[in-house]
Structure formats: structure tokens, C-alpha cells
């Protein structure tokens, strides 16, 4: 599990191969979409990152309250606002999570797309951090 600033990355290792569906055009790279656990948040929180220059939808699959949740994340919305992470003016979309839930998969697509495809997230991860007992 890698560490970026004070957030724990929820990425594993492996290769993601995505086959774009209708409406998922060449400007959209699904591997540039990821989910990060915000370990120092007062409440269990996930940060949805989209490094694409176009907005995307993100669908979370988990063993908890986030299962099936779909969020729209704007273009170039990734990283920490004001932190020294190379993207000081960028910020990922923060969404609520549940302590101890296991994120099992993250799918993405363009809002106009008809097919959910694999994102840059691989493996599994457990939500935790400062806001969890």
C-alpha cells in the first residue's frame, strides 16, 4: 500500500485493460481514474481522482455502504488542494464511505458512455483512518 501525503492509496499492482464502449471516446483513458482513502479525515472518506481532461462517472463496488454508488467527477479533478503533490490547484472529489468496508472494484465511463469499464484501481482495499475506531 503506497502513501501519498497523508492519504493511503488504494491501489494494488497489475495491468488494467479497458475496451471503450459507445460514448467512451479516445479522449478518455480509464486508467487515469482512481480511488484513494483519505486516512486523516474526521469521517471515513474516499477521494475520487480523474486525471482525464473530460468528466467521468465512477461506480464503486464494495462490501459496505458505498456499493453501487455512482459519482460524476469533473475533468482534471485529482490530487490534494494546496498540498505539495505536483498538482497544487487540483482536488479530487470527496465522498463519504463506511469504516471497514472493502472496496472490491471501481468502474468508470464517460457520462455519455453506455459501458462501464475497468479503472486504474486494482486489487482490494479496506476503508480506515483517523475517523474510524
C-alpha atoms as a PDB file:
ATOM      1  CA  UNK A   1       0.000   0.000   0.000  1.00  0.00           C
ATOM      2  CA  UNK A   2       1.646   3.261  -1.112  1.00  0.00           C
ATOM      3  CA  UNK A   3       1.394   6.554   0.735  1.00  0.00           C
ATOM      4  CA  UNK A   4       0.852   9.938  -0.898  1.00  0.00           C
ATOM      5  CA  UNK A   5       0.865  12.859   1.538  1.00  0.00           C
ATOM      6  CA  UNK A   6      -1.430  11.870   4.365  1.00  0.00           C
ATOM      7  CA  UNK A   7      -3.740   9.710   2.258  1.00  0.00           C
ATOM      8  CA  UNK A   8      -3.330   5.997   1.744  1.00  0.00           C
ATOM      9  CA  UNK A   9      -3.585   4.911  -1.881  1.00  0.00           C
ATOM     10  CA  UNK A  10      -5.999   2.098  -2.509  1.00  0.00           C
ATOM     11  CA  UNK A  11      -4.130   0.708  -5.458  1.00  0.00           C
ATOM     12  CA  UNK A  12      -2.601  -2.694  -5.925  1.00  0.00           C
ATOM     13  CA  UNK A  13      -0.498  -3.954  -8.750  1.00  0.00           C
ATOM     14  CA  UNK A  14      -1.462  -5.416 -12.065  1.00  0.00           C
ATOM     15  CA  UNK A  15      -2.491  -4.382 -15.522  1.00  0.00           C
ATOM     16  CA  UNK A  16      -5.813  -2.877 -16.459  1.00  0.00           C
ATOM     17  CA  UNK A  17      -7.049  -3.343 -19.995  1.00  0.00           C
ATOM     18  CA  UNK A  18     -10.168  -1.456 -20.939  1.00  0.00           C
ATOM     19  CA  UNK A  19     -12.185  -1.713 -24.090  1.00  0.00           C
ATOM     20  CA  UNK A  20     -14.063   1.546 -24.654  1.00  0.00           C
ATOM     21  CA  UNK A  21     -17.797   1.255 -25.203  1.00  0.00           C
ATOM     22  CA  UNK A  22     -20.071   3.556 -27.168  1.00  0.00           C
ATOM     23  CA  UNK A  23     -19.565   7.132 -25.958  1.00  0.00           C
ATOM     24  CA  UNK A  24     -16.193   6.308 -24.319  1.00  0.00           C
ATOM     25  CA  UNK A  25     -14.022   8.096 -26.885  1.00  0.00           C
ATOM     26  CA  UNK A  26     -10.273   8.424 -27.357  1.00  0.00           C
ATOM     27  CA  UNK A  27     -10.072  11.471 -25.034  1.00  0.00           C
ATOM     28  CA  UNK A  28     -10.991   9.186 -22.126  1.00  0.00           C
ATOM     29  CA  UNK A  29      -8.336   6.947 -20.544  1.00  0.00           C
ATOM     30  CA  UNK A  30      -9.991   4.802 -17.838  1.00  0.00           C
ATOM     31  CA  UNK A  31      -6.631   4.052 -16.204  1.00  0.00           C
ATOM     32  CA  UNK A  32      -6.441   7.736 -15.192  1.00  0.00           C
ATOM     33  CA  UNK A  33      -9.401   7.252 -12.820  1.00  0.00           C
ATOM     34  CA  UNK A  34      -8.712   6.041  -9.286  1.00  0.00           C
ATOM     35  CA  UNK A  35      -9.990   5.973  -5.700  1.00  0.00           C
ATOM     36  CA  UNK A  36      -7.987   6.979  -2.626  1.00  0.00           C
ATOM     37  CA  UNK A  37      -8.794   6.515   1.067  1.00  0.00           C
ATOM     38  CA  UNK A  38      -8.412   9.852   2.905  1.00  0.00           C
ATOM     39  CA  UNK A  39      -6.727   8.454   6.014  1.00  0.00           C
ATOM     40  CA  UNK A  40      -6.668  11.691   8.037  1.00  0.00           C
ATOM     41  CA  UNK A  41     -10.337  12.653   7.511  1.00  0.00           C
ATOM     42  CA  UNK A  42     -12.590  13.029  10.563  1.00  0.00           C
ATOM     43  CA  UNK A  43     -15.195  10.811   8.878  1.00  0.00           C
ATOM     44  CA  UNK A  44     -14.452   7.833   6.589  1.00  0.00           C
ATOM     45  CA  UNK A  45     -13.915   9.450   3.192  1.00  0.00           C
ATOM     46  CA  UNK A  46     -12.896   8.390  -0.297  1.00  0.00           C
ATOM     47  CA  UNK A  47     -11.289  10.719  -2.816  1.00  0.00           C
ATOM     48  CA  UNK A  48     -12.231  10.041  -6.437  1.00  0.00           C
ATOM     49  CA  UNK A  49      -9.477  11.116  -8.837  1.00  0.00           C
ATOM     50  CA  UNK A  50      -9.915  11.808 -12.554  1.00  0.00           C
ATOM     51  CA  UNK A  51      -6.812  12.943 -14.448  1.00  0.00           C
ATOM     52  CA  UNK A  52      -8.671  12.957 -17.778  1.00  0.00           C
ATOM     53  CA  UNK A  53      -9.425  16.250 -19.495  1.00  0.00           C
ATOM     54  CA  UNK A  54     -13.094  15.222 -19.625  1.00  0.00           C
ATOM     55  CA  UNK A  55     -15.604  14.448 -16.873  1.00  0.00           C
ATOM     56  CA  UNK A  56     -16.300  10.817 -15.980  1.00  0.00           C
ATOM     57  CA  UNK A  57     -18.674   8.754 -13.907  1.00  0.00           C
ATOM     58  CA  UNK A  58     -17.250   6.453 -11.237  1.00  0.00           C
ATOM     59  CA  UNK A  59     -19.052   3.395  -9.866  1.00  0.00           C
ATOM     60  CA  UNK A  60     -17.812   1.875  -6.596  1.00  0.00           C
ATOM     61  CA  UNK A  61     -18.203  -1.794  -5.719  1.00  0.00           C
ATOM     62  CA  UNK A  62     -17.662  -2.671  -2.054  1.00  0.00           C
ATOM     63  CA  UNK A  63     -18.820  -4.731   0.895  1.00  0.00           C
ATOM     64  CA  UNK A  64     -20.364  -1.674   2.582  1.00  0.00           C
ATOM     65  CA  UNK A  65     -22.467   1.442   2.153  1.00  0.00           C
ATOM     66  CA  UNK A  66     -20.616   2.617  -0.966  1.00  0.00           C
ATOM     67  CA  UNK A  67     -21.567  -0.455  -3.006  1.00  0.00           C
ATOM     68  CA  UNK A  68     -23.180   0.591  -6.269  1.00  0.00           C
ATOM     69  CA  UNK A  69     -22.710   4.323  -5.645  1.00  0.00           C
ATOM     70  CA  UNK A  70     -22.159   6.369  -8.817  1.00  0.00           C
ATOM     71  CA  UNK A  71     -20.478   9.768  -8.779  1.00  0.00           C
ATOM     72  CA  UNK A  72     -19.619  12.245 -11.533  1.00  0.00           C
ATOM     73  CA  UNK A  73     -16.072  13.578 -11.293  1.00  0.00           C
ATOM     74  CA  UNK A  74     -15.049  16.663 -13.264  1.00  0.00           C
ATOM     75  CA  UNK A  75     -12.176  16.965 -15.689  1.00  0.00           C
ATOM     76  CA  UNK A  76      -8.686  17.092 -14.169  1.00  0.00           C
ATOM     77  CA  UNK A  77     -10.129  16.651 -10.687  1.00  0.00           C
ATOM     78  CA  UNK A  78      -7.385  14.769  -8.848  1.00  0.00           C
ATOM     79  CA  UNK A  79      -4.931  15.161  -6.002  1.00  0.00           C
ATOM     80  CA  UNK A  80      -4.909  17.384  -2.941  1.00  0.00           C
ATOM     81  CA  UNK A  81      -5.860  21.055  -2.976  1.00  0.00           C
ATOM     82  CA  UNK A  82      -2.999  23.147  -1.652  1.00  0.00           C
ATOM     83  CA  UNK A  83      -0.730  20.189  -0.919  1.00  0.00           C
ATOM     84  CA  UNK A  84       2.724  19.665  -2.373  1.00  0.00           C
ATOM     85  CA  UNK A  85       1.850  16.759  -4.657  1.00  0.00           C
ATOM     86  CA  UNK A  86       2.698  18.283  -8.007  1.00  0.00           C
ATOM     87  CA  UNK A  87      -0.902  19.362  -8.608  1.00  0.00           C
ATOM     88  CA  UNK A  88      -1.431  22.158  -6.034  1.00  0.00           C
ATOM     89  CA  UNK A  89      -4.580  23.528  -7.670  1.00  0.00           C
ATOM     90  CA  UNK A  90      -6.252  20.175  -8.262  1.00  0.00           C
ATOM     91  CA  UNK A  91      -8.597  18.399  -5.912  1.00  0.00           C
ATOM     92  CA  UNK A  92     -10.283  15.026  -6.147  1.00  0.00           C
ATOM     93  CA  UNK A  93     -13.981  14.654  -5.378  1.00  0.00           C
ATOM     94  CA  UNK A  94     -14.534  13.689  -1.713  1.00  0.00           C
ATOM     95  CA  UNK A  95     -17.352  11.236  -0.999  1.00  0.00           C
ATOM     96  CA  UNK A  96     -18.486   9.503   2.213  1.00  0.00           C
ATOM     97  CA  UNK A  97     -17.524   5.911   2.950  1.00  0.00           C
ATOM     98  CA  UNK A  98     -18.033   3.393   5.757  1.00  0.00           C
ATOM     99  CA  UNK A  99     -15.339   2.300   8.217  1.00  0.00           C
ATOM    100  CA  UNK A 100     -14.128  -1.186   7.435  1.00  0.00           C
ATOM    101  CA  UNK A 101     -15.869  -1.567   4.090  1.00  0.00           C
ATOM    102  CA  UNK A 102     -13.727  -3.275   1.485  1.00  0.00           C
ATOM    103  CA  UNK A 103     -13.522  -1.626  -1.925  1.00  0.00           C
ATOM    104  CA  UNK A 104     -13.515  -4.546  -4.351  1.00  0.00           C
ATOM    105  CA  UNK A 105     -13.729  -2.803  -7.726  1.00  0.00           C
ATOM    106  CA  UNK A 106     -14.071   0.622  -9.326  1.00  0.00           C
ATOM    107  CA  UNK A 107     -15.613   1.048 -12.775  1.00  0.00           C
ATOM    108  CA  UNK A 108     -15.746   4.193 -14.875  1.00  0.00           C
ATOM    109  CA  UNK A 109     -17.254   5.599 -18.059  1.00  0.00           C
ATOM    110  CA  UNK A 110     -17.929   8.883 -19.765  1.00  0.00           C
ATOM    111  CA  UNK A 111     -21.356  10.305 -18.761  1.00  0.00           C
ATOM    112  CA  UNK A 112     -22.453   9.704 -22.373  1.00  0.00           C
ATOM    113  CA  UNK A 113     -20.942   6.210 -22.443  1.00  0.00           C
ATOM    114  CA  UNK A 114     -23.064   3.101 -22.291  1.00  0.00           C
ATOM    115  CA  UNK A 115     -20.462   0.638 -20.976  1.00  0.00           C
ATOM    116  CA  UNK A 116     -18.729   0.578 -17.591  1.00  0.00           C
ATOM    117  CA  UNK A 117     -15.021  -0.232 -17.982  1.00  0.00           C
ATOM    118  CA  UNK A 118     -12.201  -1.031 -15.553  1.00  0.00           C
ATOM    119  CA  UNK A 119     -10.499   1.972 -13.935  1.00  0.00           C
ATOM    120  CA  UNK A 120      -6.946   2.454 -12.685  1.00  0.00           C
ATOM    121  CA  UNK A 121      -7.920   0.801  -9.374  1.00  0.00           C
ATOM    122  CA  UNK A 122      -6.890  -2.825  -8.934  1.00  0.00           C
ATOM    123  CA  UNK A 123      -6.894  -5.275  -6.047  1.00  0.00           C
ATOM    124  CA  UNK A 124      -8.965  -4.568  -2.926  1.00  0.00           C
ATOM    125  CA  UNK A 125      -8.638  -2.082  -0.071  1.00  0.00           C
ATOM    126  CA  UNK A 126     -10.234  -1.504   3.334  1.00  0.00           C
ATOM    127  CA  UNK A 127     -11.533   1.946   4.301  1.00  0.00           C
ATOM    128  CA  UNK A 128      -9.973   3.208   7.524  1.00  0.00           C
ATOM    129  CA  UNK A 129      -8.089   6.076   9.082  1.00  0.00           C
ATOM    130  CA  UNK A 130      -8.461   8.792  11.699  1.00  0.00           C
ATOM    131  CA  UNK A 131     -12.266   8.838  11.525  1.00  0.00           C
ATOM    132  CA  UNK A 132     -12.597   5.097  12.188  1.00  0.00           C
ATOM    133  CA  UNK A 133     -12.450   3.417  15.613  1.00  0.00           C
END
